[in-house]
Amino acid sequence: MGKRVAHLVRGRMLDYIEFDDGFAMVKTNPPAGLLGLTLGDAHVRSKHGVTVVGVKRTGQAFTYATADSVIQEGDVIIVSGPIREVERFSELR
């Protein structure tokens, strides 16, 4: 629990879940570089080593992310991957 709180306090993460094998899922705001792009065009996995698994628009429920999902300003995303990579990704502006 202490690690989770530390992650939430120090960064842009809105929620953080760490698993035993060095894997984490993070709820965060998307970096500006993703806005207006499909996830396929943004190459998030190859550039950042993480996978966007969910997208939430204001007033809507979370949906599964696909390569065709377009990230918009105000969206909240769920990102999964190795702890270091999700930490770095959540710090992008």
PDB file of N, CA and C in Angstrom:
ATOM      1  N   MET A   1       0.821  -1.187   0.000  1.00  0.00           N
ATOM      2  CA  MET A   1       0.000   0.000   0.000  1.00  0.00           C
ATOM      3  C   MET A   1       0.870   1.257   0.000  1.00  0.00           C
ATOM      4  N   GLY A   2       1.967   1.211   0.723  1.00  0.00           N
ATOM      5  CA  GLY A   2       2.859   2.367   0.766  1.00  0.00           C
ATOM      6  C   GLY A   2       3.430   2.705  -0.600  1.00  0.00           C
ATOM      7  N   LYS A   3       3.817   1.686  -1.363  1.00  0.00           N
ATOM      8  CA  LYS A   3       4.340   1.911  -2.711  1.00  0.00           C
ATOM      9  C   LYS A   3       3.277   2.545  -3.601  1.00  0.00           C
ATOM     10  N   ARG A   4       2.061   2.077  -3.469  1.00  0.00           N
ATOM     11  CA  ARG A   4       0.964   2.605  -4.291  1.00  0.00           C
ATOM     12  C   ARG A   4       0.745   4.086  -3.999  1.00  0.00           C
ATOM     13  N   VAL A   5       0.691   4.435  -2.735  1.00  0.00           N
ATOM     14  CA  VAL A   5       0.487   5.836  -2.346  1.00  0.00           C
ATOM     15  C   VAL A   5       1.643   6.700  -2.828  1.00  0.00           C
ATOM     16  N   ALA A   6       2.863   6.195  -2.702  1.00  0.00           N
ATOM     17  CA  ALA A   6       4.031   6.960  -3.162  1.00  0.00           C
ATOM     18  C   ALA A   6       3.943   7.258  -4.647  1.00  0.00           C
ATOM     19  N   HIS A   7       3.520   6.289  -5.436  1.00  0.00           N
ATOM     20  CA  HIS A   7       3.373   6.507  -6.877  1.00  0.00           C
ATOM     21  C   HIS A   7       2.296   7.545  -7.165  1.00  0.00           C
ATOM     22  N   LEU A   8       1.204   7.492  -6.443  1.00  0.00           N
ATOM     23  CA  LEU A   8       0.102   8.416  -6.703  1.00  0.00           C
ATOM     24  C   LEU A   8       0.460   9.844  -6.303  1.00  0.00           C
ATOM     25  N   VAL A   9       1.218   9.996  -5.232  1.00  0.00           N
ATOM     26  CA  VAL A   9       1.569  11.324  -4.730  1.00  0.00           C
ATOM     27  C   VAL A   9       2.607  12.009  -5.604  1.00  0.00           C
ATOM     28  N   ARG A  10       3.551  11.247  -6.122  1.00  0.00           N
ATOM     29  CA  ARG A  10       4.681  11.873  -6.814  1.00  0.00           C
ATOM     30  C   ARG A  10       4.478  12.134  -8.300  1.00  0.00           C
ATOM     31  N   GLY A  11       3.457  11.591  -8.903  1.00  0.00           N
ATOM     32  CA  GLY A  11       3.357  11.737 -10.348  1.00  0.00           C
ATOM     33  C   GLY A  11       1.978  12.083 -10.846  1.00  0.00           C
ATOM     34  N   ARG A  12       1.778  11.829 -12.121  1.00  0.00           N
ATOM     35  CA  ARG A  12       0.515  12.136 -12.792  1.00  0.00           C
ATOM     36  C   ARG A  12      -0.447  10.955 -12.748  1.00  0.00           C
ATOM     37  N   MET A  13      -0.090   9.913 -12.041  1.00  0.00           N
ATOM     38  CA  MET A  13      -0.930   8.729 -11.978  1.00  0.00           C
ATOM     39  C   MET A  13      -2.191   9.016 -11.170  1.00  0.00           C
ATOM     40  N   LEU A  14      -3.325   8.570 -11.695  1.00  0.00           N
ATOM     41  CA  LEU A  14      -4.590   8.714 -10.987  1.00  0.00           C
ATOM     42  C   LEU A  14      -4.875   7.471 -10.158  1.00  0.00           C
ATOM     43  N   ASP A  15      -4.324   6.350 -10.565  1.00  0.00           N
ATOM     44  CA  ASP A  15      -4.406   5.106  -9.811  1.00  0.00           C
ATOM     45  C   ASP A  15      -3.260   4.216 -10.265  1.00  0.00           C
ATOM     46  N   TYR A  16      -2.848   3.288  -9.394  1.00  0.00           N
ATOM     47  CA  TYR A  16      -1.673   2.478  -9.656  1.00  0.00           C
ATOM     48  C   TYR A  16      -1.858   1.126  -8.986  1.00  0.00           C
ATOM     49  N   ILE A  17      -1.652   0.054  -9.742  1.00  0.00           N
ATOM     50  CA  ILE A  17      -1.696  -1.295  -9.187  1.00  0.00           C
ATOM     51  C   ILE A  17      -0.446  -2.019  -9.648  1.00  0.00           C
ATOM     52  N   GLU A  18       0.337  -2.499  -8.683  1.00  0.00           N
ATOM     53  CA  GLU A  18       1.562  -3.226  -8.985  1.00  0.00           C
ATOM     54  C   GLU A  18       1.350  -4.701  -8.683  1.00  0.00           C
ATOM     55  N   PHE A  19       1.815  -5.561  -9.591  1.00  0.00           N
ATOM     56  CA  PHE A  19       1.728  -6.998  -9.416  1.00  0.00           C
ATOM     57  C   PHE A  19       3.094  -7.541  -9.025  1.00  0.00           C
ATOM     58  N   ASP A  20       3.143  -8.730  -8.496  1.00  0.00           N
ATOM     59  CA  ASP A  20       4.375  -9.318  -7.968  1.00  0.00           C
ATOM     60  C   ASP A  20       5.496  -9.496  -8.987  1.00  0.00           C
ATOM     61  N   ASP A  21       5.180  -9.649 -10.221  1.00  0.00           N
ATOM     62  CA  ASP A  21       6.197  -9.973 -11.221  1.00  0.00           C
ATOM     63  C   ASP A  21       6.758  -8.758 -11.953  1.00  0.00           C
ATOM     64  N   GLY A  22       6.714  -7.583 -11.327  1.00  0.00           N
ATOM     65  CA  GLY A  22       7.274  -6.394 -11.947  1.00  0.00           C
ATOM     66  C   GLY A  22       6.385  -5.755 -12.990  1.00  0.00           C
ATOM     67  N   PHE A  23       5.102  -6.051 -12.941  1.00  0.00           N
ATOM     68  CA  PHE A  23       4.121  -5.555 -13.902  1.00  0.00           C
ATOM     69  C   PHE A  23       3.165  -4.617 -13.177  1.00  0.00           C
ATOM     70  N   ALA A  24       2.720  -3.568 -13.854  1.00  0.00           N
ATOM     71  CA  ALA A  24       1.805  -2.614 -13.229  1.00  0.00           C
ATOM     72  C   ALA A  24       0.746  -2.155 -14.220  1.00  0.00           C
ATOM     73  N   MET A  25      -0.365  -1.693 -13.671  1.00  0.00           N
ATOM     74  CA  MET A  25      -1.413  -1.043 -14.459  1.00  0.00           C
ATOM     75  C   MET A  25      -1.618   0.329 -13.832  1.00  0.00           C
ATOM     76  N   VAL A  26      -1.726   1.332 -14.699  1.00  0.00           N
ATOM     77  CA  VAL A  26      -1.818   2.711 -14.251  1.00  0.00           C
ATOM     78  C   VAL A  26      -2.982   3.412 -14.944  1.00  0.00           C
ATOM     79  N   LYS A  27      -3.730   4.162 -14.178  1.00  0.00           N
ATOM     80  CA  LYS A  27      -4.765   5.048 -14.721  1.00  0.00           C
ATOM     81  C   LYS A  27      -4.146   6.443 -14.734  1.00  0.00           C
ATOM     82  N   THR A  28      -4.130   7.069 -15.918  1.00  0.00           N
ATOM     83  CA  THR A  28      -3.442   8.351 -16.060  1.00  0.00           C
ATOM     84  C   THR A  28      -4.071   9.183 -17.169  1.00  0.00           C
ATOM     85  N   ASN A  29      -3.676  10.426 -17.238  1.00  0.00           N
ATOM     86  CA  ASN A  29      -4.057  11.285 -18.359  1.00  0.00           C
ATOM     87  C   ASN A  29      -3.059  11.047 -19.486  1.00  0.00           C
ATOM     88  N   PRO A  30      -3.513  11.034 -20.728  1.00  0.00           N
ATOM     89  CA  PRO A  30      -2.579  10.775 -21.827  1.00  0.00           C
ATOM     90  C   PRO A  30      -1.635  11.955 -22.057  1.00  0.00           C
ATOM     91  N   PRO A  31      -0.410  11.655 -22.485  1.00  0.00           N
ATOM     92  CA  PRO A  31       0.502  12.738 -22.827  1.00  0.00           C
ATOM     93  C   PRO A  31       0.030  13.458 -24.095  1.00  0.00           C
ATOM     94  N   ALA A  32       0.407  14.705 -24.238  1.00  0.00           N
ATOM     95  CA  ALA A  32      -0.022  15.529 -25.371  1.00  0.00           C
ATOM     96  C   ALA A  32       0.333  14.905 -26.713  1.00  0.00           C
ATOM     97  N   GLY A  33       1.423  14.154 -26.781  1.00  0.00           N
ATOM     98  CA  GLY A  33       1.859  13.547 -28.029  1.00  0.00           C
ATOM     99  C   GLY A  33       0.908  12.494 -28.583  1.00  0.00           C
ATOM    100  N   LEU A  34      -0.031  12.016 -27.770  1.00  0.00           N
ATOM    101  CA  LEU A  34      -0.994  11.017 -28.235  1.00  0.00           C
ATOM    102  C   LEU A  34      -2.289  11.628 -28.737  1.00  0.00           C
ATOM    103  N   LEU A  35      -2.548  12.862 -28.369  1.00  0.00           N
ATOM    104  CA  LEU A  35      -3.835  13.472 -28.681  1.00  0.00           C
ATOM    105  C   LEU A  35      -4.066  13.576 -30.184  1.00  0.00           C
ATOM    106  N   GLY A  36      -5.249  13.128 -30.600  1.00  0.00           N
ATOM    107  CA  GLY A  36      -5.636  13.194 -32.000  1.00  0.00           C
ATOM    108  C   GLY A  36      -5.130  12.041 -32.847  1.00  0.00           C
ATOM    109  N   LEU A  37      -4.350  11.143 -32.265  1.00  0.00           N
ATOM    110  CA  LEU A  37      -3.800  10.013 -33.001  1.00  0.00           C
ATOM    111  C   LEU A  37      -4.532   8.729 -32.629  1.00  0.00           C
ATOM    112  N   THR A  38      -4.579   7.789 -33.567  1.00  0.00           N
ATOM    113  CA  THR A  38      -5.019   6.454 -33.183  1.00  0.00           C
ATOM    114  C   THR A  38      -3.863   5.810 -32.430  1.00  0.00           C
ATOM    115  N   LEU A  39      -4.169   4.837 -31.595  1.00  0.00           N
ATOM    116  CA  LEU A  39      -3.107   4.150 -30.866  1.00  0.00           C
ATOM    117  C   LEU A  39      -2.179   3.425 -31.826  1.00  0.00           C
ATOM    118  N   GLY A  40      -2.722   2.929 -32.927  1.00  0.00           N
ATOM    119  CA  GLY A  40      -1.884   2.286 -33.935  1.00  0.00           C
ATOM    120  C   GLY A  40      -0.873   3.239 -34.545  1.00  0.00           C
ATOM    121  N   ASP A  41      -1.315   4.462 -34.846  1.00  0.00           N
ATOM    122  CA  ASP A  41      -0.411   5.458 -35.425  1.00  0.00           C
ATOM    123  C   ASP A  41       0.587   6.005 -34.400  1.00  0.00           C
ATOM    124  N   ALA A  42       0.221   5.979 -33.129  1.00  0.00           N
ATOM    125  CA  ALA A  42       1.086   6.517 -32.079  1.00  0.00           C
ATOM    126  C   ALA A  42       2.224   5.559 -31.715  1.00  0.00           C
ATOM    127  N   HIS A  43       2.082   4.273 -32.051  1.00  0.00           N
ATOM    128  CA  HIS A  43       3.115   3.269 -31.776  1.00  0.00           C
ATOM    129  C   HIS A  43       3.544   3.268 -30.309  1.00  0.00           C
ATOM    130  N   VAL A  44       2.564   3.328 -29.423  1.00  0.00           N
ATOM    131  CA  VAL A  44       2.832   3.428 -27.983  1.00  0.00           C
ATOM    132  C   VAL A  44       3.682   2.252 -27.493  1.00  0.00           C
ATOM    133  N   ARG A  45       3.329   1.053 -27.888  1.00  0.00           N
ATOM    134  CA  ARG A  45       4.055  -0.125 -27.393  1.00  0.00           C
ATOM    135  C   ARG A  45       5.501  -0.133 -27.853  1.00  0.00           C
ATOM    136  N   SER A  46       5.748   0.164 -29.122  1.00  0.00           N
ATOM    137  CA  SER A  46       7.134   0.114 -29.611  1.00  0.00           C
ATOM    138  C   SER A  46       7.960   1.301 -29.127  1.00  0.00           C
ATOM    139  N   LYS A  47       7.353   2.450 -28.944  1.00  0.00           N
ATOM    140  CA  LYS A  47       8.088   3.637 -28.487  1.00  0.00           C
ATOM    141  C   LYS A  47       8.271   3.694 -26.974  1.00  0.00           C
ATOM    142  N   HIS A  48       7.275   3.212 -26.219  1.00  0.00           N
ATOM    143  CA  HIS A  48       7.285   3.396 -24.771  1.00  0.00           C
ATOM    144  C   HIS A  48       7.275   2.098 -23.970  1.00  0.00           C
ATOM    145  N   GLY A  49       7.083   0.960 -24.631  1.00  0.00           N
ATOM    146  CA  GLY A  49       7.107  -0.326 -23.939  1.00  0.00           C
ATOM    147  C   GLY A  49       5.891  -0.614 -23.079  1.00  0.00           C
ATOM    148  N   VAL A  50       4.786   0.108 -23.334  1.00  0.00           N
ATOM    149  CA  VAL A  50       3.552  -0.093 -22.574  1.00  0.00           C
ATOM    150  C   VAL A  50       2.392  -0.302 -23.543  1.00  0.00           C
ATOM    151  N   THR A  51       1.289  -0.795 -22.995  1.00  0.00           N
ATOM    152  CA  THR A  51       0.095  -1.018 -23.797  1.00  0.00           C
ATOM    153  C   THR A  51      -1.060  -0.232 -23.194  1.00  0.00           C
ATOM    154  N   VAL A  52      -1.748   0.545 -24.012  1.00  0.00           N
ATOM    155  CA  VAL A  52      -2.962   1.226 -23.566  1.00  0.00           C
ATOM    156  C   VAL A  52      -4.080   0.202 -23.677  1.00  0.00           C
ATOM    157  N   VAL A  53      -4.701  -0.130 -22.544  1.00  0.00           N
ATOM    158  CA  VAL A  53      -5.725  -1.179 -22.537  1.00  0.00           C
ATOM    159  C   VAL A  53      -7.143  -0.636 -22.416  1.00  0.00           C
ATOM    160  N   GLY A  54      -7.283   0.596 -21.958  1.00  0.00           N
ATOM    161  CA  GLY A  54      -8.618   1.170 -21.807  1.00  0.00           C
ATOM    162  C   GLY A  54      -8.603   2.673 -21.987  1.00  0.00           C
ATOM    163  N   VAL A  55      -9.752   3.199 -22.444  1.00  0.00           N
ATOM    164  CA  VAL A  55      -9.912   4.644 -22.651  1.00  0.00           C
ATOM    165  C   VAL A  55     -11.259   5.061 -22.070  1.00  0.00           C
ATOM    166  N   LYS A  56     -11.258   6.174 -21.346  1.00  0.00           N
ATOM    167  CA  LYS A  56     -12.507   6.707 -20.803  1.00  0.00           C
ATOM    168  C   LYS A  56     -12.671   8.147 -21.254  1.00  0.00           C
ATOM    169  N   ARG A  57     -13.792   8.412 -21.882  1.00  0.00           N
ATOM    170  CA  ARG A  57     -14.154   9.771 -22.282  1.00  0.00           C
ATOM    171  C   ARG A  57     -15.049  10.368 -21.209  1.00  0.00           C
ATOM    172  N   THR A  58     -15.032  11.662 -21.074  1.00  0.00           N
ATOM    173  CA  THR A  58     -15.894  12.351 -20.120  1.00  0.00           C
ATOM    174  C   THR A  58     -17.341  11.966 -20.375  1.00  0.00           C
ATOM    175  N   GLY A  59     -18.025  11.549 -19.322  1.00  0.00           N
ATOM    176  CA  GLY A  59     -19.430  11.190 -19.424  1.00  0.00           C
ATOM    177  C   GLY A  59     -19.698   9.813 -19.987  1.00  0.00           C
ATOM    178  N   GLN A  60     -18.646   9.043 -20.272  1.00  0.00           N
ATOM    179  CA  GLN A  60     -18.811   7.697 -20.819  1.00  0.00           C
ATOM    180  C   GLN A  60     -18.076   6.694 -19.941  1.00  0.00           C
ATOM    181  N   ALA A  61     -18.374   5.436 -20.123  1.00  0.00           N
ATOM    182  CA  ALA A  61     -17.702   4.359 -19.398  1.00  0.00           C
ATOM    183  C   ALA A  61     -16.367   4.039 -20.073  1.00  0.00           C
ATOM    184  N   PHE A  62     -15.486   3.371 -19.334  1.00  0.00           N
ATOM    185  CA  PHE A  62     -14.245   2.877 -19.931  1.00  0.00           C
ATOM    186  C   PHE A  62     -14.584   1.897 -21.044  1.00  0.00           C
ATOM    187  N   THR A  63     -13.800   1.937 -22.115  1.00  0.00           N
ATOM    188  CA  THR A  63     -13.921   0.965 -23.192  1.00  0.00           C
ATOM    189  C   THR A  63     -12.541   0.363 -23.441  1.00  0.00           C
ATOM    190  N   TYR A  64     -12.526  -0.832 -24.018  1.00  0.00           N
ATOM    191  CA  TYR A  64     -11.249  -1.438 -24.390  1.00  0.00           C
ATOM    192  C   TYR A  64     -10.603  -0.603 -25.486  1.00  0.00           C
ATOM    193  N   ALA A  65      -9.301  -0.435 -25.368  1.00  0.00           N
ATOM    194  CA  ALA A  65      -8.558   0.295 -26.383  1.00  0.00           C
ATOM    195  C   ALA A  65      -8.205  -0.654 -27.527  1.00  0.00           C
ATOM    196  N   THR A  66      -8.252  -0.135 -28.736  1.00  0.00           N
ATOM    197  CA  THR A  66      -7.834  -0.883 -29.926  1.00  0.00           C
ATOM    198  C   THR A  66      -6.856  -0.020 -30.703  1.00  0.00           C
ATOM    199  N   ALA A  67      -6.286  -0.571 -31.734  1.00  0.00           N
ATOM    200  CA  ALA A  67      -5.372   0.193 -32.587  1.00  0.00           C
ATOM    201  C   ALA A  67      -6.079   1.373 -33.239  1.00  0.00           C
ATOM    202  N   ASP A  68      -7.404   1.300 -33.372  1.00  0.00           N
ATOM    203  CA  ASP A  68      -8.181   2.371 -33.988  1.00  0.00           C
ATOM    204  C   ASP A  68      -8.689   3.416 -32.996  1.00  0.00           C
ATOM    205  N   SER A  69      -8.454   3.205 -31.701  1.00  0.00           N
ATOM    206  CA  SER A  69      -8.904   4.172 -30.691  1.00  0.00           C
ATOM    207  C   SER A  69      -8.145   5.486 -30.860  1.00  0.00           C
ATOM    208  N   VAL A  70      -8.876   6.590 -30.936  1.00  0.00           N
ATOM    209  CA  VAL A  70      -8.268   7.915 -31.041  1.00  0.00           C
ATOM    210  C   VAL A  70      -8.297   8.544 -29.663  1.00  0.00           C
ATOM    211  N   ILE A  71      -7.157   9.011 -29.194  1.00  0.00           N
ATOM    212  CA  ILE A  71      -7.045   9.625 -27.878  1.00  0.00           C
ATOM    213  C   ILE A  71      -7.341  11.113 -28.010  1.00  0.00           C
ATOM    214  N   GLN A  72      -8.231  11.589 -27.146  1.00  0.00           N
ATOM    215  CA  GLN A  72      -8.646  12.989 -27.188  1.00  0.00           C
ATOM    216  C   GLN A  72      -8.309  13.687 -25.873  1.00  0.00           C
ATOM    217  N   GLU A  73      -8.225  15.004 -25.939  1.00  0.00           N
ATOM    218  CA  GLU A  73      -7.998  15.787 -24.738  1.00  0.00           C
ATOM    219  C   GLU A  73      -9.140  15.517 -23.758  1.00  0.00           C
ATOM    220  N   GLY A  74      -8.807  15.332 -22.502  1.00  0.00           N
ATOM    221  CA  GLY A  74      -9.801  15.044 -21.476  1.00  0.00           C
ATOM    222  C   GLY A  74     -10.010  13.558 -21.237  1.00  0.00           C
ATOM    223  N   ASP A  75      -9.464  12.708 -22.115  1.00  0.00           N
ATOM    224  CA  ASP A  75      -9.572  11.264 -21.913  1.00  0.00           C
ATOM    225  C   ASP A  75      -8.722  10.846 -20.718  1.00  0.00           C
ATOM    226  N   VAL A  76      -9.097   9.734 -20.130  1.00  0.00           N
ATOM    227  CA  VAL A  76      -8.290   9.047 -19.127  1.00  0.00           C
ATOM    228  C   VAL A  76      -7.977   7.687 -19.730  1.00  0.00           C
ATOM    229  N   ILE A  77      -6.731   7.233 -19.563  1.00  0.00           N
ATOM    230  CA  ILE A  77      -6.346   5.948 -20.148  1.00  0.00           C
ATOM    231  C   ILE A  77      -5.820   5.006 -19.063  1.00  0.00           C
ATOM    232  N   ILE A  78      -5.934   3.715 -19.327  1.00  0.00           N
ATOM    233  CA  ILE A  78      -5.321   2.696 -18.487  1.00  0.00           C
ATOM    234  C   ILE A  78      -4.185   2.092 -19.297  1.00  0.00           C
ATOM    235  N   VAL A  79      -3.011   2.074 -18.689  1.00  0.00           N
ATOM    236  CA  VAL A  79      -1.798   1.614 -19.343  1.00  0.00           C
ATOM    237  C   VAL A  79      -1.226   0.447 -18.539  1.00  0.00           C
ATOM    238  N   SER A  80      -0.739  -0.578 -19.225  1.00  0.00           N
ATOM    239  CA  SER A  80      -0.117  -1.712 -18.539  1.00  0.00           C
ATOM    240  C   SER A  80       1.267  -1.961 -19.107  1.00  0.00           C
ATOM    241  N   GLY A  81       2.115  -2.551 -18.272  1.00  0.00           N
ATOM    242  CA  GLY A  81       3.453  -2.905 -18.712  1.00  0.00           C
ATOM    243  C   GLY A  81       4.406  -3.030 -17.549  1.00  0.00           C
ATOM    244  N   PRO A  82       5.681  -3.195 -17.841  1.00  0.00           N
ATOM    245  CA  PRO A  82       6.685  -3.254 -16.786  1.00  0.00           C
ATOM    246  C   PRO A  82       6.657  -1.960 -15.956  1.00  0.00           C
ATOM    247  N   ILE A  83       6.908  -2.098 -14.671  1.00  0.00           N
ATOM    248  CA  ILE A  83       6.784  -0.963 -13.741  1.00  0.00           C
ATOM    249  C   ILE A  83       7.541   0.268 -14.218  1.00  0.00           C
ATOM    250  N   ARG A  84       8.795   0.126 -14.583  1.00  0.00           N
ATOM    251  CA  ARG A  84       9.588   1.298 -14.999  1.00  0.00           C
ATOM    252  C   ARG A  84       8.993   2.004 -16.207  1.00  0.00           C
ATOM    253  N   GLU A  85       8.509   1.213 -17.157  1.00  0.00           N
ATOM    254  CA  GLU A  85       7.962   1.804 -18.370  1.00  0.00           C
ATOM    255  C   GLU A  85       6.648   2.542 -18.100  1.00  0.00           C
ATOM    256  N   VAL A  86       5.769   1.976 -17.267  1.00  0.00           N
ATOM    257  CA  VAL A  86       4.518   2.694 -16.985  1.00  0.00           C
ATOM    258  C   VAL A  86       4.793   3.944 -16.164  1.00  0.00           C
ATOM    259  N   GLU A  87       5.800   3.900 -15.294  1.00  0.00           N
ATOM    260  CA  GLU A  87       6.179   5.094 -14.543  1.00  0.00           C
ATOM    261  C   GLU A  87       6.673   6.188 -15.487  1.00  0.00           C
ATOM    262  N   ARG A  88       7.550   5.824 -16.397  1.00  0.00           N
ATOM    263  CA  ARG A  88       8.075   6.807 -17.369  1.00  0.00           C
ATOM    264  C   ARG A  88       6.971   7.360 -18.247  1.00  0.00           C
ATOM    265  N   PHE A  89       6.118   6.469 -18.735  1.00  0.00           N
ATOM    266  CA  PHE A  89       5.030   6.906 -19.615  1.00  0.00           C
ATOM    267  C   PHE A  89       4.095   7.866 -18.898  1.00  0.00           C
ATOM    268  N   SER A  90       3.787   7.600 -17.647  1.00  0.00           N
ATOM    269  CA  SER A  90       2.853   8.466 -16.910  1.00  0.00           C
ATOM    270  C   SER A  90       3.442   9.854 -16.641  1.00  0.00           C
ATOM    271  N   GLU A  91       4.750   9.979 -16.736  1.00  0.00           N
ATOM    272  CA  GLU A  91       5.404  11.276 -16.511  1.00  0.00           C
ATOM    273  C   GLU A  91       5.517  12.121 -17.784  1.00  0.00           C
ATOM    274  N   LEU A  92       5.226  11.530 -18.950  1.00  0.00           N
ATOM    275  CA  LEU A  92       5.289  12.293 -20.197  1.00  0.00           C
ATOM    276  C   LEU A  92       4.248  13.407 -20.175  1.00  0.00           C
ATOM    277  N   ARG A  93       4.580  14.522 -20.725  1.00  0.00           N
ATOM    278  CA  ARG A  93       3.648  15.662 -20.782  1.00  0.00           C
ATOM    279  C   ARG A  93       3.147  15.867 -22.169  1.00  0.00           C
TER     280      ARG A  93
END
